Protein backbone atom coordinates (compact mmCIF):
# COMPACT_ATOMS: atom_id res chain seq x y z
CA GLU A 1 -41.08 -47.10 -87.04
CA PHE A 2 -40.34 -43.23 -87.50
CA ASN A 3 -38.32 -42.67 -90.58
CA PRO A 4 -37.79 -39.07 -91.49
CA ASP A 5 -36.71 -38.03 -94.78
CA THR A 6 -35.95 -34.59 -93.55
CA ILE A 7 -34.27 -32.95 -90.57
CA ILE A 8 -34.84 -29.23 -89.87
CA ALA A 9 -32.61 -27.27 -87.66
CA LEU A 10 -33.86 -23.89 -86.72
CA GLY A 11 -31.75 -21.46 -84.76
CA GLY A 12 -28.18 -20.71 -83.92
CA GLY A 13 -24.98 -22.51 -84.49
CA SER A 14 -25.50 -25.16 -81.88
CA PRO A 15 -28.71 -26.48 -82.76
CA MET A 16 -27.45 -26.73 -86.51
CA ASP A 17 -24.33 -28.44 -85.39
CA ALA A 18 -26.09 -30.88 -83.37
CA ALA A 19 -28.59 -31.31 -86.16
CA LYS A 20 -25.54 -32.29 -88.24
CA VAL A 21 -24.28 -35.16 -86.02
CA MET A 22 -27.93 -36.31 -85.72
CA TRP A 23 -28.20 -36.57 -89.20
CA LEU A 24 -24.91 -38.44 -89.53
CA LEU A 25 -25.89 -40.91 -86.81
CA TYR A 26 -29.14 -41.34 -87.84
CA GLU A 27 -27.86 -42.62 -91.38
CA ASN A 28 -24.85 -44.43 -89.62
CA PRO A 29 -25.67 -45.59 -86.28
CA ASP A 30 -22.39 -47.16 -85.75
CA VAL A 31 -20.22 -44.41 -86.28
CA GLN A 32 -18.04 -43.61 -83.06
CA PHE A 33 -17.32 -40.14 -81.67
CA SER A 34 -13.58 -40.70 -80.96
CA ASP A 35 -13.17 -41.53 -84.91
CA MET A 36 -15.02 -38.21 -85.87
CA ARG A 37 -12.97 -35.98 -83.91
CA GLU A 38 -9.82 -37.62 -85.38
CA LYS A 39 -7.40 -34.87 -86.57
CA PHE A 40 -6.22 -34.33 -89.87
CA PHE A 41 -3.97 -32.33 -92.05
CA ASP A 42 -5.99 -32.51 -95.30
CA VAL A 43 -9.71 -32.74 -94.93
CA ARG A 44 -9.81 -35.04 -98.07
CA LYS A 45 -6.97 -37.34 -97.02
CA ARG A 46 -7.41 -38.63 -93.40
CA ALA A 47 -7.49 -41.73 -91.26
CA PHE A 48 -11.21 -41.74 -90.84
CA LYS A 49 -13.48 -41.09 -93.80
CA PHE A 50 -17.07 -39.65 -92.93
CA PRO A 51 -19.64 -41.77 -94.86
CA ASP A 52 -21.68 -39.98 -97.62
CA LEU A 53 -24.75 -38.53 -96.27
CA GLY A 54 -28.12 -38.10 -97.60
CA LYS A 55 -29.42 -41.42 -98.26
CA LYS A 56 -32.21 -41.55 -95.73
CA ALA A 57 -32.66 -37.86 -95.03
CA GLN A 58 -31.64 -34.19 -96.30
CA LEU A 59 -30.68 -31.63 -93.48
CA VAL A 60 -32.38 -28.23 -93.83
CA CYS A 61 -30.58 -25.46 -91.89
CA VAL A 62 -32.44 -22.19 -91.04
CA PRO A 63 -30.24 -19.85 -89.03
CA THR A 64 -31.77 -17.53 -86.49
CA THR A 65 -28.74 -15.64 -85.39
CA SER A 66 -26.11 -14.07 -87.86
CA GLY A 67 -22.73 -15.36 -87.06
CA THR A 68 -22.11 -19.05 -87.07
CA GLY A 69 -22.61 -19.63 -90.88
CA SER A 70 -23.01 -23.41 -89.84
CA GLU A 71 -25.76 -23.55 -92.48
CA MET A 72 -23.07 -23.34 -94.99
CA THR A 73 -20.16 -25.17 -93.75
CA PRO A 74 -18.94 -28.71 -93.37
CA PHE A 75 -18.15 -28.28 -89.70
CA ALA A 76 -19.90 -29.00 -86.32
CA VAL A 77 -18.50 -27.97 -83.16
CA ILE A 78 -19.33 -30.54 -80.31
CA THR A 79 -18.79 -30.63 -76.80
CA ASP A 80 -17.50 -33.84 -75.37
CA ASP A 81 -19.81 -34.33 -72.24
CA GLU A 82 -17.02 -36.32 -70.28
CA THR A 83 -13.98 -33.87 -70.93
CA GLY A 84 -15.85 -30.56 -71.27
CA MET A 85 -13.79 -30.12 -74.43
CA LYS A 86 -15.06 -28.64 -77.81
CA TYR A 87 -14.39 -30.37 -80.74
CA PRO A 88 -14.78 -29.01 -84.38
CA LEU A 89 -15.61 -32.05 -86.47
CA ALA A 90 -14.96 -31.31 -90.34
CA ASP A 91 -15.84 -33.00 -93.48
CA TYR A 92 -17.73 -31.85 -96.31
CA ALA A 93 -20.24 -34.71 -95.85
CA LEU A 94 -21.56 -32.52 -93.04
CA THR A 95 -22.64 -29.81 -95.27
CA PRO A 96 -26.28 -29.10 -95.19
CA SER A 97 -28.49 -30.04 -98.07
CA VAL A 98 -30.60 -26.74 -98.32
CA ALA A 99 -29.88 -23.47 -96.23
CA ILE A 100 -32.79 -20.89 -95.79
CA ILE A 101 -31.44 -17.54 -94.97
CA ASP A 102 -34.27 -15.21 -93.87
CA PRO A 103 -33.31 -11.93 -91.93
CA VAL A 104 -36.74 -11.58 -90.58
CA LEU A 105 -35.83 -14.49 -88.16
CA THR A 106 -33.23 -12.19 -86.72
CA SER A 107 -35.47 -9.08 -86.06
CA ALA A 108 -36.33 -9.73 -82.68
CA LEU A 109 -32.54 -10.59 -81.14
CA PRO A 110 -31.07 -8.45 -78.52
CA ALA A 111 -28.18 -6.28 -79.19
CA LYS A 112 -25.68 -8.39 -77.21
CA VAL A 113 -26.86 -11.49 -79.45
CA VAL A 114 -26.26 -9.39 -82.48
CA ALA A 115 -22.79 -7.95 -81.50
CA ASP A 116 -21.47 -11.58 -80.34
CA ALA A 117 -22.63 -13.30 -83.39
CA GLY A 118 -21.46 -10.70 -85.89
CA PHE A 119 -17.96 -10.73 -84.31
CA ASP A 120 -17.96 -14.58 -84.73
CA ALA A 121 -18.67 -13.72 -88.69
CA LEU A 122 -16.18 -11.16 -88.76
CA THR A 123 -13.46 -13.57 -87.38
CA HIS A 124 -14.62 -16.08 -89.68
CA ALA A 125 -13.90 -14.11 -92.75
CA THR A 126 -10.72 -12.82 -91.36
CA GLU A 127 -9.18 -16.08 -90.59
CA ALA A 128 -10.56 -17.48 -93.92
CA TYR A 129 -8.89 -14.67 -95.76
CA VAL A 130 -5.50 -15.06 -94.20
CA SER A 131 -5.51 -19.04 -94.07
CA VAL A 132 -2.89 -21.03 -95.87
CA TYR A 133 -5.86 -22.56 -97.65
CA ALA A 134 -7.18 -19.23 -98.91
CA ASN A 135 -7.67 -18.90 -102.67
CA ASP A 136 -9.36 -16.89 -105.59
CA TYR A 137 -12.88 -18.36 -104.70
CA THR A 138 -12.98 -17.83 -101.17
CA ASP A 139 -11.04 -14.56 -101.23
CA GLY A 140 -13.95 -12.22 -102.56
CA LEU A 141 -16.36 -14.14 -100.17
CA ALA A 142 -14.22 -13.25 -97.19
CA LEU A 143 -13.67 -9.54 -98.09
CA HIS A 144 -17.15 -8.81 -98.73
CA ALA A 145 -18.46 -10.35 -95.68
CA ILE A 146 -15.82 -8.10 -93.78
CA LYS A 147 -17.01 -5.00 -95.19
CA LEU A 148 -20.63 -5.96 -94.79
CA ILE A 149 -20.18 -6.42 -91.19
CA PHE A 150 -17.97 -3.05 -90.66
CA GLU A 151 -20.78 -1.19 -92.38
CA ASN A 152 -23.83 -3.00 -90.62
CA ILE A 153 -22.75 -4.32 -87.47
CA GLU A 154 -23.17 -1.29 -85.50
CA ARG A 155 -26.71 -0.26 -86.66
CA SER A 156 -27.86 -3.80 -86.43
CA ALA A 157 -26.68 -4.01 -82.81
CA LYS A 158 -28.27 -0.88 -81.81
CA ALA A 159 -31.29 -1.36 -83.43
CA ARG A 160 -34.50 -1.94 -81.18
CA PRO A 161 -35.74 -5.54 -81.21
CA GLY A 162 -38.61 -5.95 -83.69
CA SER A 163 -37.81 -2.43 -85.16
CA THR A 164 -39.75 -1.30 -88.26
CA ASP A 165 -36.96 1.33 -89.26
CA PRO A 166 -36.06 0.43 -92.82
CA ALA A 167 -32.43 1.24 -91.96
CA ASP A 168 -32.64 -0.98 -89.14
CA ILE A 169 -34.15 -3.89 -91.03
CA GLN A 170 -31.60 -3.46 -94.07
CA ALA A 171 -28.71 -3.73 -91.34
CA ARG A 172 -30.26 -7.01 -90.17
CA GLU A 173 -30.39 -8.31 -93.52
CA LYS A 174 -26.92 -7.56 -94.29
CA MET A 175 -25.45 -9.08 -91.32
CA HIS A 176 -27.34 -12.09 -92.22
CA ASN A 177 -26.16 -12.24 -95.42
CA ALA A 178 -22.56 -11.63 -94.25
CA ALA A 179 -22.39 -14.59 -91.79
CA SER A 180 -23.68 -16.90 -94.36
CA ILE A 181 -21.22 -15.43 -97.03
CA ALA A 182 -18.52 -15.75 -94.56
CA GLY A 183 -19.68 -19.34 -93.85
CA MET A 184 -19.04 -20.14 -97.49
CA ALA A 185 -15.56 -18.60 -97.18
CA PHE A 186 -14.34 -20.46 -94.16
CA GLY A 187 -16.19 -23.65 -95.20
CA ASN A 188 -13.49 -23.98 -97.80
CA ALA A 189 -10.44 -21.90 -96.47
CA PHE A 190 -10.92 -23.08 -92.74
CA LEU A 191 -9.76 -20.83 -89.83
CA GLY A 192 -6.77 -20.20 -87.71
CA ILE A 193 -5.91 -20.01 -83.92
CA VAL A 194 -8.37 -17.34 -82.95
CA HIS A 195 -11.04 -20.15 -83.10
CA ALA A 196 -8.41 -22.71 -81.75
CA MET A 197 -8.04 -20.54 -78.80
CA ALA A 198 -11.59 -19.63 -78.62
CA HIS A 199 -12.76 -23.15 -78.51
CA VAL A 200 -10.53 -24.07 -75.50
CA THR A 201 -11.10 -20.94 -73.54
CA GLY A 202 -15.03 -21.14 -74.32
CA SER A 203 -15.39 -24.59 -73.24
CA LYS A 204 -13.27 -24.23 -70.18
CA PHE A 205 -14.79 -21.01 -68.72
CA HIS A 206 -18.38 -21.14 -70.64
CA LEU A 207 -17.82 -18.08 -72.33
CA ILE A 208 -19.95 -16.71 -75.03
CA HIS A 209 -17.81 -18.02 -78.63
CA GLY A 210 -18.24 -14.83 -80.64
CA ARG A 211 -17.33 -12.57 -77.69
CA THR A 212 -14.31 -14.74 -76.99
CA ASN A 213 -13.55 -14.30 -80.65
CA ALA A 214 -13.60 -10.56 -80.23
CA ILE A 215 -11.03 -10.74 -77.43
CA TYR A 216 -8.58 -12.70 -79.25
CA LEU A 217 -9.08 -11.38 -82.85
CA PRO A 218 -6.88 -8.21 -82.54
CA HIS A 219 -4.08 -9.90 -80.77
CA VAL A 220 -3.79 -12.49 -83.37
CA ILE A 221 -3.94 -10.20 -86.47
CA ARG A 222 -0.54 -8.51 -84.94
CA TYR A 223 0.75 -11.83 -84.31
CA ASN A 224 0.18 -13.05 -87.69
CA GLY A 225 1.03 -9.68 -89.09
CA ARG A 226 4.51 -10.24 -88.24
CA ILE A 227 7.25 -12.12 -90.26
CA PRO A 228 7.97 -15.39 -87.94
CA THR A 229 11.07 -17.38 -87.90
CA LYS A 230 9.00 -20.54 -88.28
CA LEU A 231 6.22 -20.82 -91.24
CA THR A 232 3.10 -23.13 -91.55
CA SER A 233 4.09 -26.54 -92.69
CA TRP A 234 1.62 -26.52 -95.33
CA PRO A 235 3.58 -27.38 -98.53
CA LYS A 236 1.52 -24.79 -101.00
CA TYR A 237 1.99 -21.84 -98.62
CA GLU A 238 5.34 -20.79 -100.22
CA ARG A 239 6.07 -17.49 -98.80
CA TYR A 240 4.71 -15.77 -95.85
CA ILE A 241 1.98 -13.17 -96.89
CA ALA A 242 -0.17 -12.70 -94.27
CA PRO A 243 0.87 -9.18 -93.62
CA GLU A 244 0.15 -8.40 -97.20
CA ARG A 245 -3.26 -9.93 -96.76
CA PHE A 246 -4.22 -7.66 -93.92
CA GLN A 247 -3.02 -4.69 -95.71
CA GLN A 248 -5.64 -6.01 -98.68
CA ILE A 249 -8.24 -6.26 -95.86
CA ALA A 250 -7.66 -2.79 -94.60
CA GLN A 251 -7.36 -1.23 -98.26
CA HIS A 252 -10.94 -2.91 -98.95
CA LEU A 253 -12.17 -0.96 -95.99
CA GLY A 254 -10.78 2.49 -96.88
CA LEU A 255 -8.11 2.29 -93.78
CA LYS A 256 -4.72 3.49 -93.72
CA ALA A 257 -2.50 0.78 -95.43
CA ALA A 258 0.40 2.08 -97.18
CA THR A 259 2.68 -0.46 -96.23
CA PRO A 260 1.86 -4.12 -94.92
CA GLU A 261 2.65 -3.07 -91.33
CA GLU A 262 0.64 -0.11 -91.65
CA GLY A 263 -2.22 -2.37 -92.96
CA VAL A 264 -1.97 -4.61 -90.23
CA GLU A 265 -2.08 -2.22 -87.39
CA SER A 266 -4.84 -0.03 -88.86
CA TYR A 267 -6.91 -3.31 -89.26
CA ALA A 268 -6.27 -4.41 -85.70
CA ARG A 269 -7.24 -1.09 -84.39
CA ALA A 270 -10.50 -0.83 -86.44
CA VAL A 271 -11.34 -4.32 -85.05
CA GLU A 272 -10.83 -3.02 -81.48
CA LYS A 273 -12.71 0.09 -82.38
CA LEU A 274 -15.78 -1.73 -83.83
CA ARG A 275 -15.70 -4.06 -80.66
CA ASP A 276 -15.88 -0.90 -78.32
CA LEU A 277 -18.86 0.44 -80.58
CA VAL A 278 -20.87 -2.61 -79.97
CA GLY A 279 -20.28 -3.08 -76.43
CA ILE A 280 -17.91 -6.04 -76.28
CA GLU A 281 -15.27 -6.15 -73.47
CA ARG A 282 -11.80 -5.63 -74.00
CA SER A 283 -10.17 -8.35 -71.97
CA PHE A 284 -11.37 -11.99 -70.22
CA GLN A 285 -10.72 -9.92 -66.83
CA ALA A 286 -13.42 -7.63 -67.67
CA GLN A 287 -15.95 -10.48 -68.69
CA GLY A 288 -15.33 -11.32 -64.91
CA VAL A 289 -13.13 -14.73 -65.40
CA ALA A 290 -10.96 -15.34 -62.19
CA GLU A 291 -7.47 -14.39 -62.77
CA GLU A 292 -6.02 -17.34 -60.92
CA ALA A 293 -8.43 -19.86 -62.61
CA PHE A 294 -7.14 -18.55 -66.03
CA ILE A 295 -3.40 -17.78 -65.71
CA GLY A 296 -2.83 -20.87 -63.53
CA ARG A 297 -4.03 -23.14 -66.61
CA LEU A 298 -2.06 -21.48 -69.28
CA ASP A 299 -0.14 -24.62 -69.97
CA GLU A 300 -3.18 -26.59 -70.43
CA LEU A 301 -5.10 -24.15 -72.26
CA ALA A 302 -2.19 -23.24 -74.66
CA MET A 303 -1.68 -27.29 -75.58
CA ALA A 304 -5.20 -27.84 -76.17
CA ALA A 305 -5.67 -24.71 -78.43
CA TYR A 306 -2.35 -26.04 -80.23
CA GLU A 307 -3.97 -29.35 -80.83
CA ASP A 308 -7.50 -27.88 -81.97
CA GLN A 309 -8.31 -28.74 -85.65
CA CYS A 310 -8.49 -24.91 -86.44
CA ALA A 311 -4.80 -24.56 -85.78
CA PRO A 312 -3.07 -25.90 -88.80
CA ALA A 313 -4.62 -23.41 -91.28
CA ASN A 314 -3.15 -20.45 -89.60
CA PRO A 315 -0.56 -18.86 -91.64
CA ARG A 316 1.92 -18.71 -88.65
CA MET A 317 3.04 -21.90 -86.69
CA PRO A 318 2.35 -20.98 -83.18
CA MET A 319 4.98 -21.88 -80.52
CA LEU A 320 3.32 -23.00 -77.35
CA ALA A 321 4.97 -19.96 -75.42
CA ASP A 322 3.39 -17.71 -78.07
CA MET A 323 -0.09 -19.36 -77.64
CA LYS A 324 0.51 -18.83 -73.74
CA THR A 325 1.45 -15.23 -74.24
CA LEU A 326 -1.54 -14.40 -76.60
CA MET A 327 -4.05 -15.88 -74.17
CA GLU A 328 -2.28 -13.93 -71.37
CA ALA A 329 -2.45 -10.74 -73.36
CA ALA A 330 -6.21 -11.28 -74.22
CA TYR A 331 -6.68 -12.05 -70.49
CA TYR A 332 -5.31 -8.68 -69.16
CA GLY A 333 -6.21 -6.58 -72.41
CA THR A 334 -2.66 -5.75 -72.80
CA SER A 335 -0.29 -6.57 -75.69
CA PHE A 336 2.06 -9.63 -76.68
CA ASP A 337 5.03 -7.52 -76.31
CA GLU A 338 4.24 -6.22 -72.95
CA VAL A 339 3.53 -9.65 -71.66
CA ARG A 340 7.05 -10.80 -73.07
CA ALA A 341 8.63 -7.72 -71.57
CA HIS A 342 7.31 -8.59 -68.14
CA ARG A 343 8.51 -12.10 -68.47
CA GLY A 344 11.83 -10.82 -69.14
CA GLU A 345 11.82 -8.87 -66.06
CA VAL A 346 11.01 -11.68 -63.97
CA ALA A 347 13.72 -13.62 -65.67
CA VAL A 348 16.25 -11.44 -64.44
CA ALA A 349 15.62 -12.13 -61.09
CA GLY A 350 16.75 -15.85 -61.72
CA GLU A 351 14.29 -17.76 -63.70
CA THR A 352 14.63 -18.80 -67.38
CA PRO A 353 12.87 -16.31 -69.80
CA ALA A 354 11.08 -19.25 -71.65
CA GLU A 355 9.62 -20.30 -68.29
CA ALA A 356 9.07 -17.33 -66.21
CA PRO A 357 5.49 -16.14 -65.28
CA ALA A 358 4.38 -12.87 -66.49
CA ALA A 359 3.90 -10.39 -63.78
CA PRO A 360 0.07 -9.68 -62.91
CA LEU A 361 -0.97 -6.98 -65.49
CA ALA A 362 -4.20 -6.20 -63.81
CA LYS A 363 -3.88 -2.33 -63.81
CA ARG A 364 -3.32 -2.44 -67.51
CA GLY A 365 -6.25 -2.26 -69.69
CA ALA A 366 -8.51 -4.91 -68.20
C-alpha cells in the first residue's frame, strides 16, 4: 500500500488549497466536510476541532503565482460541488509544513494572471491591516506587502513572459515575496467583507477571484472608512479605528492623508488608479456579467456573503442592505451613495426605502 510521507503542492491557490484538504483526509479519512466548514467566531474556540496534522506526512507548498499566499496560511477555500458555494476552511492545522518561494516559477506568467493575483495579495494585506484581529505582528507585514505591490505590480504585469530584463525579474521577485508576506499577515489577522463578497460572487458567476477582489476593494475601503452606527461584535475592538488605519496605509505610500477622511479617499483612489494601470475592469458589468442575473440575485448573494467566514473580522458590521448596496455599486461601477440615492428616488414613488430596488445605473461608469 502506498503511504507517502510528503505531499507536494505546485501551482496557484487552488492546487495548494486542495492539497491541504487532501492532507487532512489522508491522515483523517473520517473527517466530514460539513464539520470542517462549520462557522466560528474564534478560530481557537469552536464546535469542531481540526485534528493535528503531520503524523503521516508533511505538506510542501510551492506557489507558481503571486497572489493567494496559501503557502503561508491556515486557510483552504473549497467549492462544494453540490451547491457551487465556496467555503473558506480555517484552522492552524492546515498551515503547510514547508513553503518554497521561488520567483523564477512566475517568470512565464501572462499579464492578466499577474494583475489578478497581485490584487488578491493587495486585498489580503489591506483587509488584514484593518481587521479586528490586526496586531503589532501583522501590521508590519501588511504594510510592507502593500508597499511592495504598489511599487512593483505595474512593472511585473507589463513584463514580457520570460523577460530577462533585470528590472522585470526584480519586479516579479518582489511581487512573489509580497504575496507570501501578505499571506503571513492575513493568516493571523484574517480578512473582511471584500473576500466574503468575492467568494460568493466568484462562485455564482465563475469569476476570477483576484479580479473580483479588485472590483470590490475600493468600495469597501470607502465603506469601512466611515464611522458606522453599529460596530463589530469582537470584544477586543473597543473603538472604531478603520479610518485611521486607512490613513496610515496612505501615509505609508506617501499619499495625501492629513486627516483620516483624506487618507481613506486617497487610498481608495490609489487602488482604483492601480487597477486601471494593470488593465482590470472597474465593474462586473464591464466584465460581462448579465445585469438581470446579478441584480436579480442580490438578496441571495448578500445573505451568502454575510454568512461567509471572512465577514466577522471586518471592522464594520455590515447590514444586509449595505451588502446589497456594495454589490450593486460594484456591478455598475458607481458609488455606494449613488445607489442609495437612486433607491431613495424610487421610494418616493411609493415603495419603502429599505426595500426599493435601485434604478438601473448602466450608463454610470460601467
